[in-house]
Amino acid sequence: MKMNLVYKALADPTRRDILNLLKDKDLTAGEIADHFRISKPSISHHLNLLKQADLVHAEKKRAVHLLLYQHDSAARCASMAFIFAGREGGKGMKKHWYFLMLLIISAGLSLWAYPRLPAEVPTHWNFSGEVDGYSSKLFAVLFGPILLIWIYGILIGVAKIDPRKENYEKFAGAYRIFVNASLTFFVCIHLAIIFSGLGYDVNMDWIVNIGLGLLFVILGNYMPKVKANYFMGIRTPWTLADETVWARTHRFGGKVFFIGGIIIAVSSFASSSIRAALLIASIACITIVPIVYSYAVYKKVADK
């Protein structure tokens, strides 16, 4: 299946609405037609285009259903993208445009690279930047798009089920930047794996350190804007128990994340032994120091 068939199928709002209907349950062509103010032949035309793109399947006189587990990664990724885009129509597409763009880039590169890749592709590197693990080319091309969908689904889903989900509206912009930065980091890793498999000289150790460092810098910059919740931020018993402790910890923690990210990124230019030591030390500080600080602030607030 060619990607242009997927793009053509998804370009029409009626066909996107049909996919949204089929997310809940299988429907016959007649049941689908009942949801639209257009003729049944027109609905049949739309269904045929979706079938050609391998996005839906239907046998004669049987219900139509989505194809979410096709061996063709393009069909699967396109279908899953619309699952996460929700029932928001055009508004939903705009809201998720960055994720969809990254997904198209990741899936498109995978489709292009698959016939050009060797049977086994480097997928793991040690601290010295040397390859120490290989996987099949099928795993290499599918890993990125599937991981992207999985991460995005979790990051969007937890914001909807968090007991303090109303607070997410207060830092929606910061949360969106965190989500997009995380997705971009993983797409860069996927691209590096693909190009390494194609024979290009890829310094994965450098890419990981720079990418991880920048991710911490971005997170640290927006950390003070994060409001109390059970998923994102420095969640300790003391920050969750008191809004003042939460706010002060995240102002301090943001600085720790920012400085740690700078150290990790700059360490990319050091020797492998120094780079590994700085990476471990920075992550340890980023993890432990804000926790200790939150306890200290809580005790100070409680003693007043």
C-alpha atoms as a PDB file:
ATOM      1  CA  MET A   1       0.000   0.000   0.000  1.00  0.00           C
ATOM      2  CA  LYS A   2       1.290   3.448  -0.900  1.00  0.00           C
ATOM      3  CA  MET A   3       1.194   6.305   1.552  1.00  0.00           C
ATOM      4  CA  ASN A   4      -0.501   8.575  -0.988  1.00  0.00           C
ATOM      5  CA  LEU A   5      -3.627   6.381  -0.748  1.00  0.00           C
ATOM      6  CA  VAL A   6      -3.680   6.947   3.018  1.00  0.00           C
ATOM      7  CA  TYR A   7      -3.252  10.701   2.624  1.00  0.00           C
ATOM      8  CA  LYS A   8      -5.991  10.807  -0.020  1.00  0.00           C
ATOM      9  CA  ALA A   9      -8.363   8.786   2.164  1.00  0.00           C
ATOM     10  CA  LEU A  10      -7.785  10.957   5.228  1.00  0.00           C
ATOM     11  CA  ALA A  11      -7.969  14.273   3.378  1.00  0.00           C
ATOM     12  CA  ASP A  12     -11.773  14.291   3.269  1.00  0.00           C
ATOM     13  CA  PRO A  13     -13.696  15.254   6.464  1.00  0.00           C
ATOM     14  CA  THR A  14     -16.486  12.763   5.731  1.00  0.00           C
ATOM     15  CA  ARG A  15     -14.019   9.899   5.603  1.00  0.00           C
ATOM     16  CA  ARG A  16     -12.419  11.094   8.826  1.00  0.00           C
ATOM     17  CA  ASP A  17     -15.889  11.148  10.446  1.00  0.00           C
ATOM     18  CA  ILE A  18     -16.453   7.569   9.255  1.00  0.00           C
ATOM     19  CA  LEU A  19     -13.228   6.463  10.943  1.00  0.00           C
ATOM     20  CA  ASN A  20     -14.332   8.208  14.129  1.00  0.00           C
ATOM     21  CA  LEU A  21     -17.640   6.307  14.046  1.00  0.00           C
ATOM     22  CA  LEU A  22     -15.845   2.999  13.639  1.00  0.00           C
ATOM     23  CA  LYS A  23     -13.632   3.609  16.659  1.00  0.00           C
ATOM     24  CA  ASP A  24     -16.447   2.553  19.002  1.00  0.00           C
ATOM     25  CA  LYS A  25     -17.877  -0.443  17.147  1.00  0.00           C
ATOM     26  CA  ASP A  26     -18.262  -2.105  13.764  1.00  0.00           C
ATOM     27  CA  LEU A  27     -21.090  -0.750  11.627  1.00  0.00           C
ATOM     28  CA  THR A  28     -22.728  -1.853   8.407  1.00  0.00           C
ATOM     29  CA  ALA A  29     -22.617   0.481   5.420  1.00  0.00           C
ATOM     30  CA  GLY A  30     -26.277   1.263   6.001  1.00  0.00           C
ATOM     31  CA  GLU A  31     -25.711   2.165   9.641  1.00  0.00           C
ATOM     32  CA  ILE A  32     -22.832   4.425   8.618  1.00  0.00           C
ATOM     33  CA  ALA A  33     -25.032   6.125   6.011  1.00  0.00           C
ATOM     34  CA  ASP A  34     -27.656   6.884   8.677  1.00  0.00           C
ATOM     35  CA  HIS A  35     -25.173   9.249  10.348  1.00  0.00           C
ATOM     36  CA  PHE A  36     -24.758  11.439   7.260  1.00  0.00           C
ATOM     37  CA  ARG A  37     -26.980  13.621   5.090  1.00  0.00           C
ATOM     38  CA  ILE A  38     -25.557  12.331   1.845  1.00  0.00           C
ATOM     39  CA  SER A  39     -26.644   9.541  -0.471  1.00  0.00           C
ATOM     40  CA  LYS A  40     -25.741   5.913   0.120  1.00  0.00           C
ATOM     41  CA  PRO A  41     -23.781   5.726  -3.170  1.00  0.00           C
ATOM     42  CA  SER A  42     -21.641   8.590  -1.864  1.00  0.00           C
ATOM     43  CA  ILE A  43     -21.042   6.697   1.373  1.00  0.00           C
ATOM     44  CA  SER A  44     -20.064   3.632  -0.676  1.00  0.00           C
ATOM     45  CA  HIS A  45     -17.581   5.771  -2.596  1.00  0.00           C
ATOM     46  CA  HIS A  46     -15.994   6.995   0.643  1.00  0.00           C
ATOM     47  CA  LEU A  47     -15.835   3.446   2.042  1.00  0.00           C
ATOM     48  CA  ASN A  48     -14.158   2.188  -1.139  1.00  0.00           C
ATOM     49  CA  LEU A  49     -11.432   4.808  -0.807  1.00  0.00           C
ATOM     50  CA  LEU A  50     -10.889   3.822   2.834  1.00  0.00           C
ATOM     51  CA  LYS A  51     -10.696   0.165   1.779  1.00  0.00           C
ATOM     52  CA  GLN A  52      -8.150   0.971  -0.928  1.00  0.00           C
ATOM     53  CA  ALA A  53      -6.010   2.648   1.738  1.00  0.00           C
ATOM     54  CA  ASP A  54      -6.369  -0.454   3.970  1.00  0.00           C
ATOM     55  CA  LEU A  55      -7.908   1.644   6.739  1.00  0.00           C
ATOM     56  CA  VAL A  56     -11.167  -0.321   6.914  1.00  0.00           C
ATOM     57  CA  HIS A  57     -12.299  -3.773   5.898  1.00  0.00           C
ATOM     58  CA  ALA A  58     -15.726  -5.098   5.023  1.00  0.00           C
ATOM     59  CA  GLU A  59     -17.051  -8.203   3.380  1.00  0.00           C
ATOM     60  CA  LYS A  60     -20.312  -8.165   1.487  1.00  0.00           C
ATOM     61  CA  LYS A  61     -23.287  -7.751   3.823  1.00  0.00           C
ATOM     62  CA  ARG A  62     -20.939  -7.670   6.808  1.00  0.00           C
ATOM     63  CA  ALA A  63     -20.090  -4.860   9.234  1.00  0.00           C
ATOM     64  CA  VAL A  64     -17.257  -2.472   8.432  1.00  0.00           C
ATOM     65  CA  HIS A  65     -14.381  -2.358  10.905  1.00  0.00           C
ATOM     66  CA  LEU A  66     -11.122  -0.491  11.340  1.00  0.00           C
ATOM     67  CA  LEU A  67      -7.831  -2.131  10.448  1.00  0.00           C
ATOM     68  CA  LEU A  68      -5.594  -1.213  13.385  1.00  0.00           C
ATOM     69  CA  TYR A  69      -3.238  -4.158  13.221  1.00  0.00           C
ATOM     70  CA  GLN A  70      -2.223  -4.378   9.588  1.00  0.00           C
ATOM     71  CA  HIS A  71       1.251  -5.642   8.808  1.00  0.00           C
ATOM     72  CA  ASP A  72       1.606  -2.468   6.768  1.00  0.00           C
ATOM     73  CA  SER A  73       2.899   0.102   9.256  1.00  0.00           C
ATOM     74  CA  ALA A  74       1.491   3.050   7.310  1.00  0.00           C
ATOM     75  CA  ALA A  75      -2.102   1.856   7.638  1.00  0.00           C
ATOM     76  CA  ARG A  76      -1.666   1.047  11.284  1.00  0.00           C
ATOM     77  CA  CYS A  77       0.015   4.352  12.129  1.00  0.00           C
ATOM     78  CA  ALA A  78      -2.515   6.424  10.217  1.00  0.00           C
ATOM     79  CA  SER A  79      -5.438   4.655  11.865  1.00  0.00           C
ATOM     80  CA  MET A  80      -3.965   4.940  15.343  1.00  0.00           C
ATOM     81  CA  ALA A  81      -3.208   8.614  14.779  1.00  0.00           C
ATOM     82  CA  PHE A  82      -6.901   9.244  14.306  1.00  0.00           C
ATOM     83  CA  ILE A  83      -7.740   7.223  17.401  1.00  0.00           C
ATOM     84  CA  PHE A  84      -5.676   9.653  19.461  1.00  0.00           C
ATOM     85  CA  ALA A  85      -6.950  12.684  17.548  1.00  0.00           C
ATOM     86  CA  GLY A  86     -10.348  11.979  19.113  1.00  0.00           C
ATOM     87  CA  ARG A  87     -13.789  13.148  18.041  1.00  0.00           C
ATOM     88  CA  GLU A  88     -12.875  16.801  17.760  1.00  0.00           C
ATOM     89  CA  GLY A  89     -12.950  16.986  13.960  1.00  0.00           C
ATOM     90  CA  GLY A  90     -10.927  19.826  12.485  1.00  0.00           C
ATOM     91  CA  LYS A  91     -10.253  21.261  15.924  1.00  0.00           C
ATOM     92  CA  GLY A  92      -8.812  17.928  17.028  1.00  0.00           C
ATOM     93  CA  MET A  93      -6.552  17.783  13.987  1.00  0.00           C
ATOM     94  CA  LYS A  94      -5.170  21.233  14.797  1.00  0.00           C
ATOM     95  CA  LYS A  95      -4.668  20.289  18.417  1.00  0.00           C
ATOM     96  CA  HIS A  96      -2.664  17.194  17.492  1.00  0.00           C
ATOM     97  CA  TRP A  97      -0.919  18.553  14.404  1.00  0.00           C
ATOM     98  CA  TYR A  98       2.611  18.295  15.824  1.00  0.00           C
ATOM     99  CA  PHE A  99       2.173  14.662  16.841  1.00  0.00           C
ATOM    100  CA  LEU A 100       0.656  13.816  13.451  1.00  0.00           C
ATOM    101  CA  MET A 101       3.526  15.565  11.642  1.00  0.00           C
ATOM    102  CA  LEU A 102       6.129  13.598  13.629  1.00  0.00           C
ATOM    103  CA  LEU A 103       4.199  10.381  13.043  1.00  0.00           C
ATOM    104  CA  ILE A 104       4.110  10.965   9.284  1.00  0.00           C
ATOM    105  CA  ILE A 105       7.832  11.742   9.245  1.00  0.00           C
ATOM    106  CA  SER A 106       8.660   8.668  11.325  1.00  0.00           C
ATOM    107  CA  ALA A 107       6.364   6.271   9.443  1.00  0.00           C
ATOM    108  CA  GLY A 108       7.280   7.753   6.054  1.00  0.00           C
ATOM    109  CA  LEU A 109      11.002   7.340   6.680  1.00  0.00           C
ATOM    110  CA  SER A 110      10.418   3.785   7.891  1.00  0.00           C
ATOM    111  CA  LEU A 111       8.553   2.869   4.711  1.00  0.00           C
ATOM    112  CA  TRP A 112      11.208   4.449   2.528  1.00  0.00           C
ATOM    113  CA  ALA A 113      14.111   2.865   4.399  1.00  0.00           C
ATOM    114  CA  TYR A 114      12.747  -0.668   4.868  1.00  0.00           C
ATOM    115  CA  PRO A 115      13.750  -2.112   1.463  1.00  0.00           C
ATOM    116  CA  ARG A 116      17.145  -0.366   1.701  1.00  0.00           C
ATOM    117  CA  LEU A 117      18.102  -1.637   5.165  1.00  0.00           C
ATOM    118  CA  PRO A 118      20.212  -4.756   5.817  1.00  0.00           C
ATOM    119  CA  ALA A 119      18.656  -7.733   7.595  1.00  0.00           C
ATOM    120  CA  GLU A 120      20.069  -6.579  10.949  1.00  0.00           C
ATOM    121  CA  VAL A 121      20.308  -2.968  12.121  1.00  0.00           C
ATOM    122  CA  PRO A 122      22.282  -1.432  15.040  1.00  0.00           C
ATOM    123  CA  THR A 123      19.808  -0.531  17.795  1.00  0.00           C
ATOM    124  CA  HIS A 124      21.913  -0.260  20.953  1.00  0.00           C
ATOM    125  CA  TRP A 125      25.099   1.625  21.804  1.00  0.00           C
ATOM    126  CA  ASN A 126      27.278   1.615  24.944  1.00  0.00           C
ATOM    127  CA  PHE A 127      28.631   4.660  26.808  1.00  0.00           C
ATOM    128  CA  SER A 128      31.586   4.797  24.438  1.00  0.00           C
ATOM    129  CA  GLY A 129      29.279   5.144  21.456  1.00  0.00           C
ATOM    130  CA  GLU A 130      30.078   1.648  20.189  1.00  0.00           C
ATOM    131  CA  VAL A 131      27.356  -0.605  18.805  1.00  0.00           C
ATOM    132  CA  ASP A 132      26.670  -3.526  21.149  1.00  0.00           C
ATOM    133  CA  GLY A 133      23.240  -4.660  20.013  1.00  0.00           C
ATOM    134  CA  TYR A 134      21.416  -5.424  16.760  1.00  0.00           C
ATOM    135  CA  SER A 135      17.775  -6.027  15.845  1.00  0.00           C
ATOM    136  CA  SER A 136      15.871  -7.048  12.737  1.00  0.00           C
ATOM    137  CA  LYS A 137      15.110  -4.309  10.245  1.00  0.00           C
ATOM    138  CA  LEU A 138      11.386  -4.878  10.823  1.00  0.00           C
ATOM    139  CA  PHE A 139      11.840  -4.037  14.503  1.00  0.00           C
ATOM    140  CA  ALA A 140      13.962  -1.007  13.597  1.00  0.00           C
ATOM    141  CA  VAL A 141      11.351   0.534  11.295  1.00  0.00           C
ATOM    142  CA  LEU A 142       8.323  -0.232  13.482  1.00  0.00           C
ATOM    143  CA  PHE A 143       9.847   0.670  16.831  1.00  0.00           C
ATOM    144  CA  GLY A 144       9.837   4.446  16.277  1.00  0.00           C
ATOM    145  CA  PRO A 145       6.243   4.948  15.049  1.00  0.00           C
ATOM    146  CA  ILE A 146       4.764   2.501  17.568  1.00  0.00           C
ATOM    147  CA  LEU A 147       6.745   4.011  20.462  1.00  0.00           C
ATOM    148  CA  LEU A 148       5.639   7.478  19.361  1.00  0.00           C
ATOM    149  CA  ILE A 149       1.973   6.465  19.430  1.00  0.00           C
ATOM    150  CA  TRP A 150       2.358   4.678  22.764  1.00  0.00           C
ATOM    151  CA  ILE A 151       4.100   7.612  24.466  1.00  0.00           C
ATOM    152  CA  TYR A 152       1.638  10.149  23.077  1.00  0.00           C
ATOM    153  CA  GLY A 153      -1.306   8.038  24.164  1.00  0.00           C
ATOM    154  CA  ILE A 154       0.042   7.818  27.710  1.00  0.00           C
ATOM    155  CA  LEU A 155       0.908  11.530  27.970  1.00  0.00           C
ATOM    156  CA  ILE A 156      -2.509  12.599  26.673  1.00  0.00           C
ATOM    157  CA  GLY A 157      -4.389   9.897  28.575  1.00  0.00           C
ATOM    158  CA  VAL A 158      -2.990  10.584  32.036  1.00  0.00           C
ATOM    159  CA  ALA A 159      -4.016  14.235  31.758  1.00  0.00           C
ATOM    160  CA  LYS A 160      -7.616  13.054  31.364  1.00  0.00           C
ATOM    161  CA  ILE A 161      -7.671  10.569  34.257  1.00  0.00           C
ATOM    162  CA  ASP A 162      -5.535  12.448  36.803  1.00  0.00           C
ATOM    163  CA  PRO A 163      -7.626  13.182  39.955  1.00  0.00           C
ATOM    164  CA  ARG A 164      -6.359  16.766  39.639  1.00  0.00           C
ATOM    165  CA  LYS A 165      -6.979  16.984  35.918  1.00  0.00           C
ATOM    166  CA  GLU A 166      -8.561  20.437  36.271  1.00  0.00           C
ATOM    167  CA  ASN A 167      -5.080  21.793  37.073  1.00  0.00           C
ATOM    168  CA  TYR A 168      -3.767  20.780  33.658  1.00  0.00           C
ATOM    169  CA  GLU A 169      -5.698  23.673  32.112  1.00  0.00           C
ATOM    170  CA  LYS A 170      -3.606  26.036  34.238  1.00  0.00           C
ATOM    171  CA  PHE A 171      -0.361  24.882  32.636  1.00  0.00           C
ATOM    172  CA  ALA A 172      -1.662  23.556  29.311  1.00  0.00           C
ATOM    173  CA  GLY A 173       0.945  25.449  27.292  1.00  0.00           C
ATOM    174  CA  ALA A 174       3.837  24.151  29.382  1.00  0.00           C
ATOM    175  CA  TYR A 175       2.467  20.596  29.249  1.00  0.00           C
ATOM    176  CA  ARG A 176       2.108  20.757  25.461  1.00  0.00           C
ATOM    177  CA  ILE A 177       5.721  21.903  25.127  1.00  0.00           C
ATOM    178  CA  PHE A 178       6.875  19.068  27.383  1.00  0.00           C
ATOM    179  CA  VAL A 179       4.902  16.514  25.331  1.00  0.00           C
ATOM    180  CA  ASN A 180       6.188  17.851  22.008  1.00  0.00           C
ATOM    181  CA  ALA A 181       9.787  18.028  23.241  1.00  0.00           C
ATOM    182  CA  SER A 182       9.619  14.419  24.463  1.00  0.00           C
ATOM    183  CA  LEU A 183       8.155  13.202  21.157  1.00  0.00           C
ATOM    184  CA  THR A 184      10.799  15.109  19.187  1.00  0.00           C
ATOM    185  CA  PHE A 185      13.574  13.491  21.233  1.00  0.00           C
ATOM    186  CA  PHE A 186      12.308   9.968  20.510  1.00  0.00           C
ATOM    187  CA  VAL A 187      11.785  10.717  16.809  1.00  0.00           C
ATOM    188  CA  CYS A 188      15.398  11.928  16.593  1.00  0.00           C
ATOM    189  CA  ILE A 189      16.538   8.633  18.137  1.00  0.00           C
ATOM    190  CA  HIS A 190      14.444   6.729  15.590  1.00  0.00           C
ATOM    191  CA  LEU A 191      15.868   8.732  12.686  1.00  0.00           C
ATOM    192  CA  ALA A 192      19.404   8.131  13.981  1.00  0.00           C
ATOM    193  CA  ILE A 193      18.790   4.361  14.157  1.00  0.00           C
ATOM    194  CA  ILE A 194      17.450   4.290  10.598  1.00  0.00           C
ATOM    195  CA  PHE A 195      20.304   6.327   9.137  1.00  0.00           C
ATOM    196  CA  SER A 196      22.837   4.260  11.061  1.00  0.00           C
ATOM    197  CA  GLY A 197      21.324   1.139   9.525  1.00  0.00           C
ATOM    198  CA  LEU A 198      21.604   2.716   6.083  1.00  0.00           C
ATOM    199  CA  GLY A 199      25.356   3.040   6.569  1.00  0.00           C
ATOM    200  CA  TYR A 200      25.698   6.651   7.652  1.00  0.00           C
ATOM    201  CA  ASP A 201      28.222   7.505  10.361  1.00  0.00           C
ATOM    202  CA  VAL A 202      25.902   8.382  13.256  1.00  0.00           C
ATOM    203  CA  ASN A 203      27.301   9.430  16.623  1.00  0.00           C
ATOM    204  CA  MET A 204      24.459   8.060  18.724  1.00  0.00           C
ATOM    205  CA  ASP A 205      26.177   8.852  22.025  1.00  0.00           C
ATOM    206  CA  TRP A 206      26.413  12.518  21.040  1.00  0.00           C
ATOM    207  CA  ILE A 207      22.811  12.623  19.826  1.00  0.00           C
ATOM    208  CA  VAL A 208      21.449  11.047  23.025  1.00  0.00           C
ATOM    209  CA  ASN A 209      23.417  13.349  25.327  1.00  0.00           C
ATOM    210  CA  ILE A 210      22.551  16.518  23.412  1.00  0.00           C
ATOM    211  CA  GLY A 211      18.899  15.489  23.073  1.00  0.00           C
ATOM    212  CA  LEU A 212      18.509  14.419  26.701  1.00  0.00           C
ATOM    213  CA  GLY A 213      20.282  17.557  27.914  1.00  0.00           C
ATOM    214  CA  LEU A 214      18.028  19.836  25.865  1.00  0.00           C
ATOM    215  CA  LEU A 215      14.975  17.921  27.097  1.00  0.00           C
ATOM    216  CA  PHE A 216      15.964  18.608  30.718  1.00  0.00           C
ATOM    217  CA  VAL A 217      16.670  22.260  29.879  1.00  0.00           C
ATOM    218  CA  ILE A 218      13.195  22.668  28.364  1.00  0.00           C
ATOM    219  CA  LEU A 219      11.551  20.837  31.255  1.00  0.00           C
ATOM    220  CA  GLY A 220      13.465  22.926  33.790  1.00  0.00           C
ATOM    221  CA  ASN A 221      12.498  26.155  32.049  1.00  0.00           C
ATOM    222  CA  TYR A 222       8.780  25.346  32.298  1.00  0.00           C
ATOM    223  CA  MET A 223       8.843  23.462  35.621  1.00  0.00           C
ATOM    224  CA  PRO A 224       7.767  26.502  37.728  1.00  0.00           C
ATOM    225  CA  LYS A 225       4.546  26.744  35.679  1.00  0.00           C
ATOM    226  CA  VAL A 226       3.437  23.198  36.492  1.00  0.00           C
ATOM    227  CA  LYS A 227       0.541  23.035  38.945  1.00  0.00           C
ATOM    228  CA  ALA A 228      -0.119  20.255  41.438  1.00  0.00           C
ATOM    229  CA  ASN A 229      -0.994  16.931  39.810  1.00  0.00           C
ATOM    230  CA  TYR A 230      -0.248  13.230  40.220  1.00  0.00           C
ATOM    231  CA  PHE A 231       1.697  12.651  36.997  1.00  0.00           C
ATOM    232  CA  MET A 232       4.018  15.464  35.912  1.00  0.00           C
ATOM    233  CA  GLY A 233       6.562  17.286  38.031  1.00  0.00           C
ATOM    234  CA  ILE A 234       8.244  16.621  41.378  1.00  0.00           C
ATOM    235  CA  ARG A 235       5.580  14.508  43.069  1.00  0.00           C
ATOM    236  CA  THR A 236       6.529  13.736  46.649  1.00  0.00           C
ATOM    237  CA  PRO A 237       4.278  13.299  49.699  1.00  0.00           C
ATOM    238  CA  TRP A 238       5.287  16.801  50.759  1.00  0.00           C
ATOM    239  CA  THR A 239       4.667  18.638  47.468  1.00  0.00           C
ATOM    240  CA  LEU A 240       1.308  16.924  47.028  1.00  0.00           C
ATOM    241  CA  ALA A 241       0.303  17.817  50.588  1.00  0.00           C
ATOM    242  CA  ASP A 242       0.869  21.569  50.317  1.00  0.00           C
ATOM    243  CA  GLU A 243       0.527  24.028  47.414  1.00  0.00           C
ATOM    244  CA  THR A 244       3.274  26.273  48.820  1.00  0.00           C
ATOM    245  CA  VAL A 245       5.709  23.371  49.026  1.00  0.00           C
ATOM    246  CA  TRP A 246       4.766  22.367  45.470  1.00  0.00           C
ATOM    247  CA  ALA A 247       5.373  25.872  44.107  1.00  0.00           C
ATOM    248  CA  ARG A 248       8.688  26.445  45.906  1.00  0.00           C
ATOM    249  CA  THR A 249       9.987  22.973  45.063  1.00  0.00           C
ATOM    250  CA  HIS A 250       9.209  23.418  41.383  1.00  0.00           C
ATOM    251  CA  ARG A 251      10.869  26.821  41.232  1.00  0.00           C
ATOM    252  CA  PHE A 252      13.996  25.308  42.762  1.00  0.00           C
ATOM    253  CA  GLY A 253      13.673  22.035  40.843  1.00  0.00           C
ATOM    254  CA  GLY A 254      13.393  23.920  37.571  1.00  0.00           C
ATOM    255  CA  LYS A 255      16.849  25.404  38.172  1.00  0.00           C
ATOM    256  CA  VAL A 256      18.279  21.969  39.019  1.00  0.00           C
ATOM    257  CA  PHE A 257      16.794  20.462  35.855  1.00  0.00           C
ATOM    258  CA  PHE A 258      18.065  23.370  33.745  1.00  0.00           C
ATOM    259  CA  ILE A 259      21.636  23.222  35.105  1.00  0.00           C
ATOM    260  CA  GLY A 260      21.690  19.416  34.909  1.00  0.00           C
ATOM    261  CA  GLY A 261      20.520  19.554  31.303  1.00  0.00           C
ATOM    262  CA  ILE A 262      23.263  22.016  30.377  1.00  0.00           C
ATOM    263  CA  ILE A 263      25.902  19.761  31.981  1.00  0.00           C
ATOM    264  CA  ILE A 264      24.576  16.679  30.145  1.00  0.00           C
ATOM    265  CA  ALA A 265      24.528  18.492  26.796  1.00  0.00           C
ATOM    266  CA  VAL A 266      28.008  19.993  27.214  1.00  0.00           C
ATOM    267  CA  SER A 267      29.413  16.637  28.341  1.00  0.00           C
ATOM    268  CA  SER A 268      28.819  15.389  24.784  1.00  0.00           C
ATOM    269  CA  PHE A 269      32.120  17.012  23.860  1.00  0.00           C
ATOM    270  CA  ALA A 270      34.069  15.263  26.658  1.00  0.00           C
ATOM    271  CA  SER A 271      35.711  11.825  26.607  1.00  0.00           C
ATOM    272  CA  SER A 272      33.452   8.797  26.974  1.00  0.00           C
ATOM    273  CA  SER A 273      34.465   8.135  30.612  1.00  0.00           C
ATOM    274  CA  ILE A 274      33.889  11.748  31.690  1.00  0.00           C
ATOM    275  CA  ARG A 275      30.668  11.872  29.673  1.00  0.00           C
ATOM    276  CA  ALA A 276      29.301   8.771  31.399  1.00  0.00           C
ATOM    277  CA  ALA A 277      30.247  10.082  34.855  1.00  0.00           C
ATOM    278  CA  LEU A 278      28.663  13.494  34.239  1.00  0.00           C
ATOM    279  CA  LEU A 279      25.500  11.878  32.845  1.00  0.00           C
ATOM    280  CA  ILE A 280      25.051   9.603  35.866  1.00  0.00           C
ATOM    281  CA  ALA A 281      25.899  12.375  38.355  1.00  0.00           C
ATOM    282  CA  SER A 282      23.567  14.893  36.678  1.00  0.00           C
ATOM    283  CA  ILE A 283      20.617  12.503  36.563  1.00  0.00           C
ATOM    284  CA  ALA A 284      21.233  11.544  40.206  1.00  0.00           C
ATOM    285  CA  CYS A 285      21.172  15.228  41.233  1.00  0.00           C
ATOM    286  CA  ILE A 286      18.119  15.965  39.112  1.00  0.00           C
ATOM    287  CA  THR A 287      16.320  13.043  40.768  1.00  0.00           C
ATOM    288  CA  ILE A 288      17.436  13.330  44.394  1.00  0.00           C
ATOM    289  CA  VAL A 289      18.107  17.021  45.157  1.00  0.00           C
ATOM    290  CA  PRO A 290      14.535  18.305  44.500  1.00  0.00           C
ATOM    291  CA  ILE A 291      13.104  15.488  46.648  1.00  0.00           C
ATOM    292  CA  VAL A 292      15.321  16.402  49.583  1.00  0.00           C
ATOM    293  CA  TYR A 293      14.523  20.085  49.047  1.00  0.00           C
ATOM    294  CA  SER A 294      10.764  19.408  49.074  1.00  0.00           C
ATOM    295  CA  TYR A 295      11.062  17.696  52.462  1.00  0.00           C
ATOM    296  CA  ALA A 296      13.120  20.578  53.857  1.00  0.00           C
ATOM    297  CA  VAL A 297      10.562  23.147  52.660  1.00  0.00           C
ATOM    298  CA  TYR A 298       7.686  21.073  54.053  1.00  0.00           C
ATOM    299  CA  LYS A 299       9.316  20.918  57.486  1.00  0.00           C
ATOM    300  CA  LYS A 300       9.939  24.654  57.383  1.00  0.00           C
ATOM    301  CA  VAL A 301       6.341  25.418  56.413  1.00  0.00           C
ATOM    302  CA  ALA A 302       4.956  22.972  58.979  1.00  0.00           C
ATOM    303  CA  ASP A 303       7.008  24.508  61.780  1.00  0.00           C
ATOM    304  CA  LYS A 304       5.592  27.985  61.184  1.00  0.00           C
END
